[in-house]
Amino acid sequence: MAHGEGSHPQVGNAKHNVHVMNISTGKKVKGGSSKLTGRVLALSFDAPGRLLWAGDDRGSVFSFLFDMATGKLTKAKRLVVHEGSPVTSISARSWVSREARDPSLLINACLNKLLLYRVVDNEGTLQLKRSFPIEQGSHPVRSIFCPLMSFRQGACVVTGSEDMCVHFFDVERAAKAAVNKLQGHSAPVLDVSFNCDESLLASSDASGMVIVWRREQK
């Protein structure tokens, strides 16, 4: 499920559909449905709420133009990340850091890599910028941009991994992008989430365990 501005949440399902819903009536909005090539596994809006990306279990990411006033959804672009590799996570960011002002998309797709794409136009066309090594072959691993990246040097992203670790990467480093690794899980790490000031990070794994990590004060 994704939610832009207004009262129209978006949902994806196993029947390959993306639907815009009216939150007041619980019904689908006219003109607010579209079909993907596979089961919808990931959804993410850009910050203004005008572009929606959806990823499916066959390796495709679609962009949609969203009319906030009417709830209408218009299919714009399709990118095949890798044929047959499920797209398990999409995270959008308007700009990554003070040095990298391009809108960006962070994608997990069961390729043993975390993928960072640049958004190159208003229709959501994607261009691969960088990739980072992780272990992900089959589990629905998710990743996020760090919320405070615009206020410091560099720009970090965080991802789960099937090696039972939480990985941090600086997307602006040309070499040695891995900056931290948290160990403590005994199963593949599936999801990660920061609080708003990055003082706490929660990570969850395939065994049902959730660990809350506290940032060390320097």
N, C-alpha and C. Protein backbone atom coordinates (compact mmCIF):
# COMPACT_ATOMS: atom_id res chain seq x y z
N MET A 1 0.84 -1.19 0.00
CA MET A 1 0.00 0.00 0.00
C MET A 1 0.88 1.24 0.00
N ALA A 2 0.47 2.26 -0.75
CA ALA A 2 1.16 3.55 -0.77
C ALA A 2 0.12 4.64 -0.56
N HIS A 3 0.58 5.82 -0.14
CA HIS A 3 -0.36 6.90 0.09
C HIS A 3 0.29 8.22 -0.28
N GLY A 4 -0.27 8.90 -1.26
CA GLY A 4 0.18 10.24 -1.63
C GLY A 4 -0.63 11.27 -0.88
N GLU A 5 -0.75 12.46 -1.45
CA GLU A 5 -1.56 13.49 -0.84
C GLU A 5 -3.05 13.19 -1.08
N GLY A 6 -3.91 13.73 -0.21
CA GLY A 6 -5.34 13.59 -0.40
C GLY A 6 -5.88 12.31 0.20
N SER A 7 -7.07 11.90 -0.28
CA SER A 7 -7.80 10.79 0.34
C SER A 7 -7.85 9.57 -0.56
N HIS A 8 -6.80 9.34 -1.34
CA HIS A 8 -6.80 8.23 -2.29
C HIS A 8 -5.60 7.32 -2.05
N PRO A 9 -5.68 6.36 -1.11
CA PRO A 9 -4.58 5.40 -0.96
C PRO A 9 -4.54 4.45 -2.16
N GLN A 10 -3.35 3.88 -2.41
CA GLN A 10 -3.16 2.96 -3.53
C GLN A 10 -2.78 1.59 -3.00
N VAL A 11 -3.34 0.56 -3.60
CA VAL A 11 -3.04 -0.80 -3.18
C VAL A 11 -2.66 -1.63 -4.40
N GLY A 12 -1.77 -2.60 -4.18
CA GLY A 12 -1.43 -3.57 -5.21
C GLY A 12 -1.86 -4.94 -4.74
N ASN A 13 -2.07 -5.88 -5.68
CA ASN A 13 -2.53 -7.20 -5.26
C ASN A 13 -1.89 -8.31 -6.09
N ALA A 14 -2.24 -9.56 -5.71
CA ALA A 14 -1.67 -10.73 -6.36
C ALA A 14 -2.26 -10.98 -7.74
N LYS A 15 -3.30 -10.24 -8.11
CA LYS A 15 -3.91 -10.38 -9.43
C LYS A 15 -3.29 -9.42 -10.45
N HIS A 16 -2.13 -8.87 -10.12
CA HIS A 16 -1.35 -8.01 -11.02
C HIS A 16 -1.92 -6.60 -11.12
N ASN A 17 -2.81 -6.21 -10.20
CA ASN A 17 -3.48 -4.91 -10.32
C ASN A 17 -2.97 -3.89 -9.31
N VAL A 18 -2.97 -2.62 -9.74
CA VAL A 18 -2.83 -1.48 -8.83
C VAL A 18 -4.16 -0.74 -8.86
N HIS A 19 -4.72 -0.46 -7.67
CA HIS A 19 -5.99 0.24 -7.57
C HIS A 19 -5.84 1.48 -6.70
N VAL A 20 -6.49 2.56 -7.12
CA VAL A 20 -6.65 3.74 -6.28
C VAL A 20 -8.00 3.61 -5.58
N MET A 21 -7.99 3.76 -4.26
CA MET A 21 -9.21 3.59 -3.48
C MET A 21 -9.71 4.93 -2.95
N ASN A 22 -11.02 5.05 -2.83
CA ASN A 22 -11.62 6.19 -2.14
C ASN A 22 -11.72 5.82 -0.67
N ILE A 23 -11.01 6.55 0.17
CA ILE A 23 -10.94 6.17 1.58
C ILE A 23 -12.27 6.37 2.29
N SER A 24 -13.14 7.22 1.75
CA SER A 24 -14.45 7.46 2.38
C SER A 24 -15.44 6.34 2.08
N THR A 25 -15.41 5.84 0.83
CA THR A 25 -16.38 4.82 0.43
C THR A 25 -15.80 3.40 0.46
N GLY A 26 -14.47 3.30 0.42
CA GLY A 26 -13.84 1.99 0.35
C GLY A 26 -13.91 1.36 -1.03
N LYS A 27 -14.32 2.14 -2.03
CA LYS A 27 -14.46 1.63 -3.39
C LYS A 27 -13.32 2.12 -4.28
N LYS A 28 -13.12 1.40 -5.38
CA LYS A 28 -12.10 1.80 -6.34
C LYS A 28 -12.53 3.07 -7.07
N VAL A 29 -11.55 3.94 -7.34
CA VAL A 29 -11.80 5.19 -8.05
C VAL A 29 -11.86 4.91 -9.55
N LYS A 30 -12.82 5.52 -10.24
CA LYS A 30 -12.94 5.36 -11.68
C LYS A 30 -11.69 5.91 -12.37
N GLY A 31 -11.10 5.10 -13.24
CA GLY A 31 -9.88 5.51 -13.93
C GLY A 31 -8.63 5.35 -13.09
N GLY A 32 -8.77 4.74 -11.92
CA GLY A 32 -7.64 4.61 -11.00
C GLY A 32 -7.10 3.21 -10.87
N SER A 33 -7.24 2.40 -11.92
CA SER A 33 -6.74 1.03 -11.89
C SER A 33 -5.83 0.77 -13.08
N SER A 34 -4.84 -0.09 -12.88
CA SER A 34 -3.95 -0.47 -13.97
C SER A 34 -3.38 -1.86 -13.69
N LYS A 35 -2.91 -2.52 -14.73
CA LYS A 35 -2.43 -3.89 -14.60
C LYS A 35 -0.93 -3.96 -14.85
N LEU A 36 -0.23 -4.74 -14.03
CA LEU A 36 1.19 -4.98 -14.20
C LEU A 36 1.40 -6.34 -14.84
N THR A 37 2.67 -6.72 -15.01
CA THR A 37 2.99 -8.01 -15.62
C THR A 37 3.00 -9.15 -14.61
N GLY A 38 2.99 -8.83 -13.32
CA GLY A 38 3.03 -9.85 -12.29
C GLY A 38 2.38 -9.37 -11.00
N ARG A 39 2.53 -10.16 -9.94
CA ARG A 39 1.98 -9.80 -8.63
C ARG A 39 2.67 -8.54 -8.12
N VAL A 40 1.89 -7.62 -7.60
CA VAL A 40 2.44 -6.35 -7.13
C VAL A 40 3.03 -6.54 -5.74
N LEU A 41 4.33 -6.28 -5.60
CA LEU A 41 5.04 -6.51 -4.34
C LEU A 41 5.49 -5.23 -3.66
N ALA A 42 5.63 -4.13 -4.40
CA ALA A 42 6.18 -2.90 -3.81
C ALA A 42 5.56 -1.68 -4.48
N LEU A 43 5.28 -0.65 -3.66
CA LEU A 43 4.73 0.62 -4.14
C LEU A 43 5.45 1.77 -3.45
N SER A 44 5.66 2.87 -4.19
CA SER A 44 6.26 4.05 -3.57
C SER A 44 5.92 5.29 -4.39
N PHE A 45 5.58 6.38 -3.68
CA PHE A 45 5.33 7.67 -4.31
C PHE A 45 6.57 8.54 -4.27
N ASP A 46 6.66 9.49 -5.22
CA ASP A 46 7.62 10.57 -5.06
C ASP A 46 7.07 11.54 -4.02
N ALA A 47 7.90 12.48 -3.56
CA ALA A 47 7.50 13.38 -2.48
C ALA A 47 6.27 14.22 -2.81
N PRO A 48 6.14 14.78 -4.02
CA PRO A 48 4.94 15.57 -4.32
C PRO A 48 3.67 14.73 -4.46
N GLY A 49 3.80 13.41 -4.61
CA GLY A 49 2.63 12.56 -4.76
C GLY A 49 2.07 12.50 -6.16
N ARG A 50 2.86 12.87 -7.16
CA ARG A 50 2.38 12.86 -8.55
C ARG A 50 2.90 11.68 -9.36
N LEU A 51 3.92 11.01 -8.86
CA LEU A 51 4.48 9.83 -9.52
C LEU A 51 4.41 8.65 -8.58
N LEU A 52 3.86 7.55 -9.07
CA LEU A 52 3.80 6.31 -8.29
C LEU A 52 4.59 5.25 -9.03
N TRP A 53 5.45 4.54 -8.29
CA TRP A 53 6.17 3.40 -8.85
C TRP A 53 5.62 2.11 -8.24
N ALA A 54 5.54 1.07 -9.07
CA ALA A 54 5.07 -0.23 -8.61
C ALA A 54 6.00 -1.30 -9.15
N GLY A 55 6.39 -2.23 -8.28
CA GLY A 55 7.26 -3.33 -8.68
C GLY A 55 6.54 -4.65 -8.57
N ASP A 56 6.84 -5.59 -9.49
CA ASP A 56 6.14 -6.87 -9.46
C ASP A 56 7.10 -8.05 -9.32
N ASP A 57 6.52 -9.25 -9.24
CA ASP A 57 7.32 -10.44 -8.98
C ASP A 57 8.00 -10.98 -10.23
N ARG A 58 7.87 -10.29 -11.35
CA ARG A 58 8.53 -10.72 -12.59
C ARG A 58 9.68 -9.81 -12.98
N GLY A 59 10.03 -8.89 -12.09
CA GLY A 59 11.22 -8.08 -12.31
C GLY A 59 11.00 -6.73 -12.95
N SER A 60 9.74 -6.28 -13.05
CA SER A 60 9.46 -4.99 -13.68
C SER A 60 9.09 -3.92 -12.67
N VAL A 61 9.47 -2.68 -12.98
CA VAL A 61 9.03 -1.50 -12.23
C VAL A 61 8.29 -0.59 -13.20
N PHE A 62 7.06 -0.23 -12.84
CA PHE A 62 6.24 0.66 -13.65
C PHE A 62 6.11 2.00 -12.95
N SER A 63 6.10 3.07 -13.74
CA SER A 63 5.77 4.39 -13.19
C SER A 63 4.39 4.80 -13.68
N PHE A 64 3.66 5.48 -12.80
CA PHE A 64 2.31 5.96 -13.11
C PHE A 64 2.22 7.44 -12.78
N LEU A 65 1.53 8.19 -13.62
CA LEU A 65 1.20 9.57 -13.31
C LEU A 65 -0.10 9.57 -12.53
N PHE A 66 -0.12 10.26 -11.40
CA PHE A 66 -1.28 10.24 -10.51
C PHE A 66 -1.89 11.63 -10.44
N ASP A 67 -3.18 11.71 -10.75
CA ASP A 67 -3.93 12.97 -10.64
C ASP A 67 -4.54 13.04 -9.25
N MET A 68 -4.00 13.91 -8.41
CA MET A 68 -4.44 13.97 -7.02
C MET A 68 -5.89 14.42 -6.88
N ALA A 69 -6.38 15.20 -7.82
CA ALA A 69 -7.75 15.72 -7.72
C ALA A 69 -8.78 14.64 -8.02
N THR A 70 -8.51 13.82 -9.03
CA THR A 70 -9.50 12.83 -9.46
C THR A 70 -9.17 11.40 -9.05
N GLY A 71 -7.90 11.14 -8.71
CA GLY A 71 -7.48 9.78 -8.41
C GLY A 71 -7.14 8.96 -9.64
N LYS A 72 -7.12 9.59 -10.80
CA LYS A 72 -6.83 8.87 -12.04
C LYS A 72 -5.36 8.46 -12.10
N LEU A 73 -5.13 7.25 -12.60
CA LEU A 73 -3.79 6.68 -12.70
C LEU A 73 -3.48 6.44 -14.17
N THR A 74 -2.35 6.97 -14.65
CA THR A 74 -1.96 6.79 -16.05
C THR A 74 -0.60 6.12 -16.12
N LYS A 75 -0.53 4.96 -16.77
CA LYS A 75 0.74 4.24 -16.89
C LYS A 75 1.70 5.04 -17.77
N ALA A 76 2.94 5.23 -17.29
CA ALA A 76 3.91 6.06 -18.02
C ALA A 76 5.07 5.24 -18.57
N LYS A 77 5.89 4.66 -17.69
CA LYS A 77 7.11 3.97 -18.12
C LYS A 77 7.22 2.59 -17.47
N ARG A 78 7.98 1.72 -18.12
CA ARG A 78 8.29 0.41 -17.57
C ARG A 78 9.78 0.16 -17.67
N LEU A 79 10.36 -0.34 -16.58
CA LEU A 79 11.76 -0.76 -16.56
C LEU A 79 11.82 -2.22 -16.14
N VAL A 80 12.47 -3.06 -16.92
CA VAL A 80 12.73 -4.44 -16.51
C VAL A 80 14.05 -4.44 -15.76
N VAL A 81 13.98 -4.54 -14.43
CA VAL A 81 15.20 -4.57 -13.62
C VAL A 81 15.99 -5.83 -13.94
N HIS A 82 15.32 -6.97 -13.88
CA HIS A 82 15.90 -8.25 -14.30
C HIS A 82 14.75 -9.23 -14.46
N GLU A 83 14.62 -9.79 -15.64
CA GLU A 83 13.49 -10.68 -15.93
C GLU A 83 13.42 -11.82 -14.94
N GLY A 84 12.27 -11.95 -14.26
CA GLY A 84 12.04 -13.05 -13.34
C GLY A 84 12.52 -12.82 -11.92
N SER A 85 13.13 -11.68 -11.64
CA SER A 85 13.62 -11.39 -10.29
C SER A 85 12.64 -10.48 -9.57
N PRO A 86 11.96 -10.96 -8.52
CA PRO A 86 10.93 -10.17 -7.85
C PRO A 86 11.48 -8.85 -7.29
N VAL A 87 10.76 -7.77 -7.55
CA VAL A 87 11.08 -6.46 -6.97
C VAL A 87 10.39 -6.38 -5.62
N THR A 88 11.15 -6.47 -4.54
CA THR A 88 10.57 -6.59 -3.21
C THR A 88 10.51 -5.28 -2.44
N SER A 89 11.20 -4.25 -2.93
CA SER A 89 11.21 -2.97 -2.20
C SER A 89 11.49 -1.84 -3.16
N ILE A 90 10.72 -0.74 -3.02
CA ILE A 90 10.97 0.50 -3.75
C ILE A 90 10.88 1.64 -2.75
N SER A 91 11.89 2.49 -2.73
CA SER A 91 11.88 3.67 -1.85
C SER A 91 12.30 4.88 -2.67
N ALA A 92 11.50 5.94 -2.63
CA ALA A 92 11.77 7.14 -3.43
C ALA A 92 12.27 8.28 -2.55
N ARG A 93 13.15 9.09 -3.13
CA ARG A 93 13.68 10.27 -2.43
C ARG A 93 13.85 11.40 -3.43
N SER A 94 13.42 12.61 -3.07
CA SER A 94 13.49 13.75 -3.99
C SER A 94 14.92 14.11 -4.35
N TRP A 95 15.80 14.12 -3.35
CA TRP A 95 17.22 14.31 -3.63
C TRP A 95 18.01 13.63 -2.54
N VAL A 96 19.14 13.07 -2.93
CA VAL A 96 19.88 12.17 -2.05
C VAL A 96 20.75 12.93 -1.06
N SER A 97 21.42 13.99 -1.50
CA SER A 97 22.30 14.76 -0.63
C SER A 97 22.52 16.13 -1.24
N ARG A 98 23.31 16.95 -0.54
CA ARG A 98 23.63 18.27 -1.09
C ARG A 98 24.43 18.16 -2.39
N GLU A 99 25.18 17.06 -2.52
CA GLU A 99 25.99 16.87 -3.71
C GLU A 99 25.20 16.21 -4.85
N ALA A 100 24.19 15.44 -4.51
CA ALA A 100 23.41 14.70 -5.52
C ALA A 100 21.95 15.13 -5.43
N ARG A 101 21.56 16.08 -6.26
CA ARG A 101 20.23 16.67 -6.18
C ARG A 101 19.20 15.97 -7.05
N ASP A 102 19.57 14.89 -7.71
CA ASP A 102 18.62 14.19 -8.57
C ASP A 102 17.64 13.37 -7.74
N PRO A 103 16.37 13.33 -8.15
CA PRO A 103 15.44 12.38 -7.53
C PRO A 103 15.96 10.95 -7.72
N SER A 104 15.77 10.11 -6.71
CA SER A 104 16.36 8.77 -6.76
C SER A 104 15.37 7.72 -6.30
N LEU A 105 15.63 6.49 -6.73
CA LEU A 105 14.82 5.34 -6.34
C LEU A 105 15.75 4.23 -5.87
N LEU A 106 15.44 3.65 -4.72
CA LEU A 106 16.21 2.56 -4.14
C LEU A 106 15.40 1.28 -4.31
N ILE A 107 16.01 0.24 -4.89
CA ILE A 107 15.26 -0.96 -5.26
C ILE A 107 15.99 -2.22 -4.82
N ASN A 108 15.23 -3.16 -4.21
CA ASN A 108 15.70 -4.52 -3.96
C ASN A 108 14.99 -5.44 -4.94
N ALA A 109 15.74 -6.38 -5.55
CA ALA A 109 15.13 -7.21 -6.59
C ALA A 109 15.71 -8.62 -6.65
N CYS A 110 16.09 -9.21 -5.51
CA CYS A 110 16.55 -10.60 -5.48
C CYS A 110 17.69 -10.86 -6.46
N LEU A 111 18.63 -9.92 -6.52
CA LEU A 111 19.78 -10.03 -7.43
C LEU A 111 21.10 -10.05 -6.68
N ASN A 112 21.04 -10.20 -5.34
CA ASN A 112 22.23 -10.08 -4.50
C ASN A 112 22.88 -8.71 -4.63
N LYS A 113 22.06 -7.71 -4.94
CA LYS A 113 22.51 -6.32 -5.05
C LYS A 113 21.39 -5.39 -4.60
N LEU A 114 21.79 -4.27 -4.01
CA LEU A 114 20.88 -3.16 -3.75
C LEU A 114 21.10 -2.14 -4.87
N LEU A 115 20.03 -1.70 -5.51
CA LEU A 115 20.14 -0.88 -6.72
C LEU A 115 19.68 0.55 -6.45
N LEU A 116 20.48 1.52 -6.90
CA LEU A 116 20.12 2.93 -6.79
C LEU A 116 19.94 3.49 -8.20
N TYR A 117 18.74 4.01 -8.46
CA TYR A 117 18.42 4.57 -9.77
C TYR A 117 18.23 6.07 -9.68
N ARG A 118 18.56 6.75 -10.76
CA ARG A 118 18.28 8.18 -10.91
C ARG A 118 16.98 8.32 -11.70
N VAL A 119 16.09 9.21 -11.23
CA VAL A 119 14.86 9.52 -11.96
C VAL A 119 15.18 10.66 -12.92
N VAL A 120 15.06 10.42 -14.22
CA VAL A 120 15.60 11.37 -15.19
C VAL A 120 14.56 12.29 -15.84
N ASP A 121 13.26 12.00 -15.64
CA ASP A 121 12.25 12.90 -16.21
C ASP A 121 10.97 12.84 -15.41
N ASN A 122 9.98 13.63 -15.83
CA ASN A 122 8.72 13.75 -15.09
C ASN A 122 7.80 12.55 -15.25
N GLU A 123 8.17 11.61 -16.12
CA GLU A 123 7.37 10.40 -16.29
C GLU A 123 7.95 9.22 -15.53
N GLY A 124 9.03 9.45 -14.79
CA GLY A 124 9.59 8.39 -13.96
C GLY A 124 10.55 7.46 -14.66
N THR A 125 11.14 7.89 -15.77
CA THR A 125 12.16 7.08 -16.43
C THR A 125 13.36 6.90 -15.49
N LEU A 126 13.87 5.67 -15.40
CA LEU A 126 14.93 5.35 -14.45
C LEU A 126 16.24 5.02 -15.16
N GLN A 127 17.34 5.46 -14.54
CA GLN A 127 18.69 5.19 -15.05
C GLN A 127 19.53 4.69 -13.88
N LEU A 128 20.13 3.50 -14.05
CA LEU A 128 20.91 2.92 -12.96
C LEU A 128 22.11 3.80 -12.63
N LYS A 129 22.24 4.14 -11.35
CA LYS A 129 23.35 4.98 -10.90
C LYS A 129 24.43 4.15 -10.22
N ARG A 130 24.02 3.26 -9.29
CA ARG A 130 24.99 2.45 -8.55
C ARG A 130 24.31 1.18 -8.07
N SER A 131 25.13 0.21 -7.72
CA SER A 131 24.63 -0.99 -7.04
C SER A 131 25.59 -1.35 -5.91
N PHE A 132 25.04 -2.02 -4.90
CA PHE A 132 25.81 -2.36 -3.69
C PHE A 132 25.59 -3.83 -3.38
N PRO A 133 26.66 -4.56 -3.02
CA PRO A 133 26.53 -6.00 -2.81
C PRO A 133 25.83 -6.34 -1.49
N ILE A 134 24.78 -7.13 -1.57
CA ILE A 134 24.13 -7.71 -0.40
C ILE A 134 23.78 -9.15 -0.76
N GLU A 135 23.24 -9.89 0.20
CA GLU A 135 22.75 -11.24 -0.09
C GLU A 135 21.23 -11.19 -0.13
N GLN A 136 20.67 -11.38 -1.32
CA GLN A 136 19.23 -11.48 -1.49
C GLN A 136 18.92 -12.29 -2.73
N GLY A 137 18.52 -13.53 -2.51
CA GLY A 137 18.19 -14.39 -3.63
C GLY A 137 16.73 -14.75 -3.71
N SER A 138 16.03 -14.75 -2.55
CA SER A 138 14.64 -15.20 -2.57
C SER A 138 13.74 -14.49 -1.56
N HIS A 139 14.29 -13.94 -0.48
CA HIS A 139 13.46 -13.34 0.56
C HIS A 139 13.02 -11.92 0.19
N PRO A 140 11.87 -11.48 0.73
CA PRO A 140 11.35 -10.13 0.44
C PRO A 140 12.05 -9.05 1.26
N VAL A 141 13.31 -8.81 0.94
CA VAL A 141 14.14 -7.85 1.68
C VAL A 141 13.77 -6.42 1.27
N ARG A 142 13.80 -5.51 2.25
CA ARG A 142 13.45 -4.11 2.00
C ARG A 142 14.60 -3.19 2.44
N SER A 143 14.60 -1.97 1.90
CA SER A 143 15.64 -0.99 2.20
C SER A 143 15.03 0.39 2.30
N ILE A 144 15.81 1.34 2.86
CA ILE A 144 15.33 2.71 3.05
C ILE A 144 16.47 3.70 2.86
N PHE A 145 16.10 4.94 2.53
CA PHE A 145 17.02 6.06 2.63
C PHE A 145 17.04 6.53 4.09
N CYS A 146 18.21 6.93 4.59
CA CYS A 146 18.27 7.52 5.92
C CYS A 146 17.55 8.87 5.89
N PRO A 147 16.71 9.16 6.88
CA PRO A 147 15.87 10.37 6.82
C PRO A 147 16.62 11.68 6.89
N LEU A 148 17.81 11.71 7.51
CA LEU A 148 18.51 12.97 7.71
C LEU A 148 19.68 13.16 6.76
N MET A 149 19.69 12.44 5.66
CA MET A 149 20.86 12.47 4.79
C MET A 149 21.17 13.85 4.22
N SER A 150 20.20 14.72 4.08
CA SER A 150 20.45 16.02 3.45
C SER A 150 21.18 16.99 4.36
N PHE A 151 21.36 16.63 5.62
CA PHE A 151 21.96 17.56 6.57
C PHE A 151 23.39 17.21 6.95
N ARG A 152 24.02 16.29 6.20
CA ARG A 152 25.38 15.90 6.53
C ARG A 152 26.13 15.52 5.27
N GLN A 153 27.43 15.34 5.41
CA GLN A 153 28.24 14.90 4.28
C GLN A 153 27.87 13.45 3.93
N GLY A 154 27.85 13.16 2.63
CA GLY A 154 27.50 11.81 2.22
C GLY A 154 26.01 11.58 2.29
N ALA A 155 25.61 10.37 1.93
CA ALA A 155 24.20 10.01 1.92
C ALA A 155 24.08 8.51 2.12
N CYS A 156 23.43 8.10 3.20
CA CYS A 156 23.39 6.69 3.55
C CYS A 156 22.05 6.05 3.21
N VAL A 157 22.13 4.78 2.84
CA VAL A 157 20.96 3.93 2.70
C VAL A 157 21.18 2.70 3.59
N VAL A 158 20.08 2.09 4.01
CA VAL A 158 20.14 0.93 4.90
C VAL A 158 19.28 -0.17 4.30
N THR A 159 19.78 -1.40 4.38
CA THR A 159 19.03 -2.52 3.81
C THR A 159 19.16 -3.76 4.69
N GLY A 160 18.14 -4.60 4.63
CA GLY A 160 18.25 -5.93 5.19
C GLY A 160 19.07 -6.81 4.25
N SER A 161 19.27 -8.06 4.65
CA SER A 161 20.08 -8.97 3.83
C SER A 161 19.88 -10.40 4.33
N GLU A 162 20.04 -11.35 3.43
CA GLU A 162 19.90 -12.75 3.80
C GLU A 162 21.09 -13.28 4.59
N ASP A 163 22.15 -12.48 4.75
CA ASP A 163 23.29 -12.90 5.57
C ASP A 163 23.07 -12.60 7.05
N MET A 164 21.82 -12.22 7.41
CA MET A 164 21.40 -11.97 8.80
C MET A 164 21.98 -10.68 9.37
N CYS A 165 22.40 -9.76 8.50
CA CYS A 165 22.97 -8.49 8.92
C CYS A 165 22.16 -7.32 8.35
N VAL A 166 22.32 -6.16 9.01
CA VAL A 166 21.80 -4.90 8.49
C VAL A 166 22.99 -4.14 7.90
N HIS A 167 22.87 -3.71 6.65
CA HIS A 167 23.98 -3.07 5.95
C HIS A 167 23.71 -1.59 5.71
N PHE A 168 24.73 -0.75 5.92
CA PHE A 168 24.69 0.68 5.64
C PHE A 168 25.66 0.97 4.49
N PHE A 169 25.20 1.72 3.50
CA PHE A 169 26.05 2.13 2.39
C PHE A 169 25.97 3.64 2.20
N ASP A 170 27.13 4.24 1.90
CA ASP A 170 27.17 5.66 1.53
C ASP A 170 27.12 5.73 0.00
N VAL A 171 26.03 6.25 -0.53
CA VAL A 171 25.84 6.22 -1.98
C VAL A 171 26.74 7.20 -2.72
N GLU A 172 27.40 8.11 -1.99
CA GLU A 172 28.28 9.09 -2.64
C GLU A 172 29.74 8.67 -2.64
N ARG A 173 30.09 7.61 -1.95
CA ARG A 173 31.47 7.14 -1.93
C ARG A 173 31.78 6.35 -3.19
N ALA A 174 32.85 6.73 -3.87
CA ALA A 174 33.23 6.02 -5.09
C ALA A 174 33.78 4.63 -4.78
N ALA A 175 34.47 4.51 -3.65
CA ALA A 175 35.03 3.22 -3.24
C ALA A 175 34.69 2.97 -1.78
N LYS A 176 34.65 1.69 -1.40
CA LYS A 176 34.35 1.30 -0.02
C LYS A 176 33.07 1.97 0.47
N ALA A 177 31.99 1.70 -0.26
CA ALA A 177 30.71 2.32 0.07
C ALA A 177 30.09 1.77 1.35
N ALA A 178 30.48 0.55 1.75
CA ALA A 178 29.95 -0.03 2.99
C ALA A 178 30.52 0.71 4.19
N VAL A 179 29.64 1.28 5.00
CA VAL A 179 30.10 2.08 6.14
C VAL A 179 29.79 1.45 7.48
N ASN A 180 28.85 0.49 7.52
CA ASN A 180 28.52 -0.15 8.79
C ASN A 180 27.76 -1.44 8.52
N LYS A 181 27.85 -2.36 9.48
CA LYS A 181 27.11 -3.62 9.41
C LYS A 181 26.70 -4.00 10.82
N LEU A 182 25.41 -4.22 11.03
CA LEU A 182 24.89 -4.58 12.35
C LEU A 182 24.60 -6.08 12.37
N GLN A 183 25.16 -6.76 13.38
CA GLN A 183 24.97 -8.19 13.53
C GLN A 183 24.22 -8.48 14.81
N GLY A 184 23.32 -9.44 14.78
CA GLY A 184 22.53 -9.77 15.96
C GLY A 184 21.33 -10.65 15.63
N HIS A 185 20.96 -10.67 14.36
CA HIS A 185 19.84 -11.52 13.93
C HIS A 185 20.31 -12.94 13.67
N SER A 186 19.38 -13.89 13.77
CA SER A 186 19.69 -15.29 13.49
C SER A 186 18.89 -15.82 12.31
N ALA A 187 18.36 -14.91 11.50
CA ALA A 187 17.61 -15.26 10.29
C ALA A 187 17.75 -14.10 9.31
N PRO A 188 17.42 -14.30 8.04
CA PRO A 188 17.51 -13.20 7.08
C PRO A 188 16.77 -11.95 7.54
N VAL A 189 17.43 -10.80 7.43
CA VAL A 189 16.81 -9.53 7.83
C VAL A 189 15.94 -9.04 6.68
N LEU A 190 14.65 -8.82 6.95
CA LEU A 190 13.69 -8.52 5.89
C LEU A 190 13.35 -7.04 5.78
N ASP A 191 13.36 -6.31 6.89
CA ASP A 191 12.91 -4.92 6.83
C ASP A 191 13.66 -4.07 7.84
N VAL A 192 13.76 -2.78 7.53
CA VAL A 192 14.44 -1.82 8.40
C VAL A 192 13.64 -0.53 8.42
N SER A 193 13.68 0.18 9.56
CA SER A 193 12.95 1.44 9.65
C SER A 193 13.58 2.33 10.71
N PHE A 194 13.84 3.60 10.36
CA PHE A 194 14.36 4.59 11.29
C PHE A 194 13.21 5.37 11.91
N ASN A 195 13.46 5.93 13.12
CA ASN A 195 12.59 7.00 13.59
C ASN A 195 13.05 8.30 12.94
N CYS A 196 12.33 9.39 13.19
CA CYS A 196 12.53 10.61 12.39
C CYS A 196 13.90 11.25 12.58
N ASP A 197 14.52 11.10 13.75
CA ASP A 197 15.82 11.76 13.96
C ASP A 197 17.00 10.78 13.91
N GLU A 198 16.73 9.55 13.47
CA GLU A 198 17.76 8.52 13.30
C GLU A 198 18.41 8.07 14.60
N SER A 199 17.79 8.38 15.73
CA SER A 199 18.37 7.91 16.99
C SER A 199 18.07 6.43 17.23
N LEU A 200 17.03 5.91 16.58
CA LEU A 200 16.65 4.51 16.72
C LEU A 200 16.43 3.89 15.34
N LEU A 201 16.86 2.64 15.20
CA LEU A 201 16.63 1.87 13.99
C LEU A 201 16.02 0.54 14.39
N ALA A 202 14.91 0.17 13.76
CA ALA A 202 14.31 -1.14 13.99
C ALA A 202 14.59 -2.04 12.79
N SER A 203 14.91 -3.30 13.06
CA SER A 203 15.10 -4.28 11.99
C SER A 203 14.35 -5.56 12.36
N SER A 204 13.78 -6.21 11.36
CA SER A 204 13.01 -7.43 11.60
C SER A 204 13.53 -8.54 10.71
N ASP A 205 13.37 -9.79 11.17
CA ASP A 205 13.90 -10.90 10.39
C ASP A 205 12.85 -11.97 10.12
N ALA A 206 13.26 -12.98 9.37
CA ALA A 206 12.34 -14.01 8.91
C ALA A 206 11.84 -14.92 10.02
N SER A 207 12.47 -14.88 11.19
CA SER A 207 12.02 -15.69 12.31
C SER A 207 11.00 -14.97 13.18
N GLY A 208 10.72 -13.70 12.86
CA GLY A 208 9.77 -12.92 13.64
C GLY A 208 10.40 -12.02 14.68
N MET A 209 11.73 -11.99 14.76
CA MET A 209 12.40 -11.15 15.74
C MET A 209 12.53 -9.71 15.24
N VAL A 210 12.31 -8.76 16.14
CA VAL A 210 12.55 -7.35 15.88
C VAL A 210 13.62 -6.85 16.85
N ILE A 211 14.65 -6.20 16.32
CA ILE A 211 15.70 -5.60 17.15
C ILE A 211 15.63 -4.09 16.98
N VAL A 212 15.66 -3.35 18.09
CA VAL A 212 15.73 -1.90 18.04
C VAL A 212 17.15 -1.49 18.42
N TRP A 213 17.81 -0.79 17.51
CA TRP A 213 19.19 -0.35 17.68
C TRP A 213 19.21 1.12 18.06
N ARG A 214 20.03 1.47 19.03
CA ARG A 214 20.16 2.87 19.43
C ARG A 214 21.48 3.44 18.91
N ARG A 215 21.42 4.65 18.35
CA ARG A 215 22.63 5.28 17.84
C ARG A 215 23.56 5.65 18.99
N GLU A 216 24.84 5.34 18.83
CA GLU A 216 25.82 5.73 19.83
C GLU A 216 26.04 7.23 19.80
N GLN A 217 26.03 7.85 20.97
CA GLN A 217 26.29 9.28 21.06
C GLN A 217 27.79 9.53 21.01
N LYS A 218 28.22 10.40 20.09
CA LYS A 218 29.65 10.68 19.97
C LYS A 218 30.04 11.88 20.82
